[in-house]
Amino acid sequence: QVQLVESGGGLVQAGGSLRLSCAASGSTSSINTYTWHRQAPGKQRELVARISLDGSTIYADAVKGRFTISRDRAKNALYLQMNSLKPEDTAVYYCNAISWTARGFWGQGTQVTVSS
């Protein structure tokens, strides 16, 4: 089992920045990929960014050039630096971990609200 706890969400004005953190605990050695997803009211949960064990990353088109995903393996931590935030970035952001056996784990989510 892997436990994930997100933090760092909040209210920010458009153009501002936030840094989300995700603390992982438990069987973290079983994880090879971490992602950030988000879910806005009335919409489906969507992938924001992904980082693999080798450090390779992918981003949703909507956040490319503004968001940066990173991980600190020594601290079992995942981060999402979000710059130039827009009102459409408002959502609950979730940390997700995927094991070598394709099992997924989710955090409880953290709310990000961007005011115009």
C-alpha atoms as a PDB file:
ATOM      1  CA  GLN A   1       0.000   0.000   0.000  1.00  0.00           C
ATOM      2  CA  VAL A   2       1.039   3.575  -0.693  1.00  0.00           C
ATOM      3  CA  GLN A   3      -0.389   6.609   1.073  1.00  0.00           C
ATOM      4  CA  LEU A   4      -0.353  10.019  -0.605  1.00  0.00           C
ATOM      5  CA  VAL A   5      -1.033  13.366   1.054  1.00  0.00           C
ATOM      6  CA  GLU A   6      -1.261  16.556  -0.992  1.00  0.00           C
ATOM      7  CA  SER A   7      -0.707  20.074   0.295  1.00  0.00           C
ATOM      8  CA  GLY A   8      -0.109  23.563  -1.007  1.00  0.00           C
ATOM      9  CA  GLY A   9      -3.442  24.387  -2.570  1.00  0.00           C
ATOM     10  CA  GLY A  10      -5.230  27.662  -1.973  1.00  0.00           C
ATOM     11  CA  LEU A  11      -6.648  30.828  -3.468  1.00  0.00           C
ATOM     12  CA  VAL A  12      -4.490  32.844  -5.843  1.00  0.00           C
ATOM     13  CA  GLN A  13      -5.079  35.635  -8.327  1.00  0.00           C
ATOM     14  CA  ALA A  14      -4.712  35.053 -12.042  1.00  0.00           C
ATOM     15  CA  GLY A  15      -1.064  35.283 -13.046  1.00  0.00           C
ATOM     16  CA  GLY A  16       0.108  34.051  -9.665  1.00  0.00           C
ATOM     17  CA  SER A  17       1.926  30.904  -8.652  1.00  0.00           C
ATOM     18  CA  LEU A  18       1.422  27.947  -6.341  1.00  0.00           C
ATOM     19  CA  ARG A  19       3.527  24.936  -5.509  1.00  0.00           C
ATOM     20  CA  LEU A  20       1.735  21.707  -4.708  1.00  0.00           C
ATOM     21  CA  SER A  21       3.432  18.965  -2.732  1.00  0.00           C
ATOM     22  CA  CYS A  22       2.603  15.302  -2.339  1.00  0.00           C
ATOM     23  CA  ALA A  23       4.133  13.232   0.447  1.00  0.00           C
ATOM     24  CA  ALA A  24       4.285   9.504  -0.242  1.00  0.00           C
ATOM     25  CA  SER A  25       4.616   6.813   2.397  1.00  0.00           C
ATOM     26  CA  GLY A  26       4.313   3.062   2.631  1.00  0.00           C
ATOM     27  CA  SER A  27       5.595   0.795  -0.146  1.00  0.00           C
ATOM     28  CA  THR A  28       7.075   3.654  -2.183  1.00  0.00           C
ATOM     29  CA  SER A  29       9.730   1.394  -3.701  1.00  0.00           C
ATOM     30  CA  SER A  30       6.935  -0.217  -5.717  1.00  0.00           C
ATOM     31  CA  ILE A  31       6.155   3.036  -7.527  1.00  0.00           C
ATOM     32  CA  ASN A  32       7.577   3.799 -10.963  1.00  0.00           C
ATOM     33  CA  THR A  33       5.383   6.685 -12.104  1.00  0.00           C
ATOM     34  CA  TYR A  34       3.774   9.664 -10.401  1.00  0.00           C
ATOM     35  CA  THR A  35       1.161  11.944 -11.874  1.00  0.00           C
ATOM     36  CA  TRP A  36      -0.856  15.004 -11.034  1.00  0.00           C
ATOM     37  CA  HIS A  37      -4.477  15.026 -12.120  1.00  0.00           C
ATOM     38  CA  ARG A  38      -7.161  17.640 -11.633  1.00  0.00           C
ATOM     39  CA  GLN A  39     -10.926  17.728 -11.594  1.00  0.00           C
ATOM     40  CA  ALA A  40     -12.955  20.872 -12.084  1.00  0.00           C
ATOM     41  CA  PRO A  41     -16.616  21.064 -11.053  1.00  0.00           C
ATOM     42  CA  GLY A  42     -18.818  19.214 -13.526  1.00  0.00           C
ATOM     43  CA  LYS A  43     -15.846  17.883 -15.477  1.00  0.00           C
ATOM     44  CA  GLN A  44     -13.965  14.608 -15.652  1.00  0.00           C
ATOM     45  CA  ARG A  45     -10.667  14.132 -13.891  1.00  0.00           C
ATOM     46  CA  GLU A  46      -7.835  14.871 -16.300  1.00  0.00           C
ATOM     47  CA  LEU A  47      -4.103  14.279 -16.440  1.00  0.00           C
ATOM     48  CA  VAL A  48      -2.014  17.389 -15.784  1.00  0.00           C
ATOM     49  CA  ALA A  49       1.528  16.003 -15.717  1.00  0.00           C
ATOM     50  CA  ARG A  50       3.416  12.760 -15.326  1.00  0.00           C
ATOM     51  CA  ILE A  51       6.953  11.885 -14.254  1.00  0.00           C
ATOM     52  CA  SER A  52       8.525   8.482 -14.703  1.00  0.00           C
ATOM     53  CA  LEU A  53      11.258   6.744 -12.765  1.00  0.00           C
ATOM     54  CA  ASP A  54      13.870   7.911 -15.256  1.00  0.00           C
ATOM     55  CA  GLY A  55      12.758  11.508 -14.793  1.00  0.00           C
ATOM     56  CA  SER A  56      11.011  11.860 -18.135  1.00  0.00           C
ATOM     57  CA  THR A  57       7.926  14.063 -18.063  1.00  0.00           C
ATOM     58  CA  ILE A  58       4.810  14.762 -20.041  1.00  0.00           C
ATOM     59  CA  TYR A  59       2.315  17.598 -19.698  1.00  0.00           C
ATOM     60  CA  ALA A  60      -1.194  18.332 -20.796  1.00  0.00           C
ATOM     61  CA  ASP A  61      -1.252  20.892 -23.592  1.00  0.00           C
ATOM     62  CA  ALA A  62      -3.207  23.292 -21.368  1.00  0.00           C
ATOM     63  CA  VAL A  63      -0.350  23.572 -18.859  1.00  0.00           C
ATOM     64  CA  LYS A  64       2.770  23.218 -21.009  1.00  0.00           C
ATOM     65  CA  GLY A  65       5.259  25.975 -20.331  1.00  0.00           C
ATOM     66  CA  ARG A  66       3.483  27.012 -17.115  1.00  0.00           C
ATOM     67  CA  PHE A  67       3.595  23.930 -14.857  1.00  0.00           C
ATOM     68  CA  THR A  68       6.580  21.839 -13.838  1.00  0.00           C
ATOM     69  CA  ILE A  69       6.407  18.405 -12.234  1.00  0.00           C
ATOM     70  CA  SER A  70       9.325  17.146 -10.178  1.00  0.00           C
ATOM     71  CA  ARG A  71      10.113  14.528  -7.572  1.00  0.00           C
ATOM     72  CA  ASP A  72      12.539  14.133  -4.716  1.00  0.00           C
ATOM     73  CA  ARG A  73      13.174  10.417  -4.386  1.00  0.00           C
ATOM     74  CA  ALA A  74      15.104  10.786  -1.157  1.00  0.00           C
ATOM     75  CA  LYS A  75      12.132  12.521   0.473  1.00  0.00           C
ATOM     76  CA  ASN A  76       9.470  10.427  -1.302  1.00  0.00           C
ATOM     77  CA  ALA A  77       7.935  13.685  -2.432  1.00  0.00           C
ATOM     78  CA  LEU A  78       6.278  14.904  -5.603  1.00  0.00           C
ATOM     79  CA  TYR A  79       5.810  18.532  -6.574  1.00  0.00           C
ATOM     80  CA  LEU A  80       3.890  20.610  -9.064  1.00  0.00           C
ATOM     81  CA  GLN A  81       5.092  24.162  -9.602  1.00  0.00           C
ATOM     82  CA  MET A  82       2.288  26.142 -11.189  1.00  0.00           C
ATOM     83  CA  ASN A  83       3.051  29.547 -12.690  1.00  0.00           C
ATOM     84  CA  SER A  84       0.980  32.026 -14.676  1.00  0.00           C
ATOM     85  CA  LEU A  85      -2.187  30.536 -13.237  1.00  0.00           C
ATOM     86  CA  LYS A  86      -5.463  31.088 -15.024  1.00  0.00           C
ATOM     87  CA  PRO A  87      -9.056  30.884 -13.746  1.00  0.00           C
ATOM     88  CA  GLU A  88      -9.507  27.742 -15.836  1.00  0.00           C
ATOM     89  CA  ASP A  89      -6.842  26.039 -13.699  1.00  0.00           C
ATOM     90  CA  THR A  90      -9.311  26.067 -10.809  1.00  0.00           C
ATOM     91  CA  ALA A  91      -9.856  22.463  -9.731  1.00  0.00           C
ATOM     92  CA  VAL A  92      -9.111  19.876  -7.103  1.00  0.00           C
ATOM     93  CA  TYR A  93      -5.616  18.568  -7.776  1.00  0.00           C
ATOM     94  CA  TYR A  94      -4.806  14.936  -7.030  1.00  0.00           C
ATOM     95  CA  CYS A  95      -1.517  13.148  -6.621  1.00  0.00           C
ATOM     96  CA  ASN A  96      -1.412   9.679  -8.160  1.00  0.00           C
ATOM     97  CA  ALA A  97       1.148   6.894  -7.956  1.00  0.00           C
ATOM     98  CA  ILE A  98       1.363   3.896 -10.262  1.00  0.00           C
ATOM     99  CA  SER A  99       3.188   0.753  -9.235  1.00  0.00           C
ATOM    100  CA  TRP A 100       5.206  -1.654 -11.360  1.00  0.00           C
ATOM    101  CA  THR A 101       2.129  -3.911 -11.360  1.00  0.00           C
ATOM    102  CA  ALA A 102      -0.037  -1.046 -12.717  1.00  0.00           C
ATOM    103  CA  ARG A 103      -1.822  -0.551  -9.429  1.00  0.00           C
ATOM    104  CA  GLY A 104      -2.869   3.029  -8.788  1.00  0.00           C
ATOM    105  CA  PHE A 105      -3.021   5.013  -5.571  1.00  0.00           C
ATOM    106  CA  TRP A 106      -4.647   8.411  -5.034  1.00  0.00           C
ATOM    107  CA  GLY A 107      -4.362  11.186  -2.530  1.00  0.00           C
ATOM    108  CA  GLN A 108      -7.360  13.020  -1.098  1.00  0.00           C
ATOM    109  CA  GLY A 109      -6.835  16.094  -3.277  1.00  0.00           C
ATOM    110  CA  THR A 110      -6.104  19.755  -2.659  1.00  0.00           C
ATOM    111  CA  GLN A 111      -8.235  22.651  -3.875  1.00  0.00           C
ATOM    112  CA  VAL A 112      -6.717  25.271  -6.160  1.00  0.00           C
ATOM    113  CA  THR A 113      -8.818  28.342  -6.879  1.00  0.00           C
ATOM    114  CA  VAL A 114      -7.664  31.031  -9.293  1.00  0.00           C
ATOM    115  CA  SER A 115      -9.578  34.301  -9.211  1.00  0.00           C
ATOM    116  CA  SER A 116      -9.804  36.604 -12.211  1.00  0.00           C
END
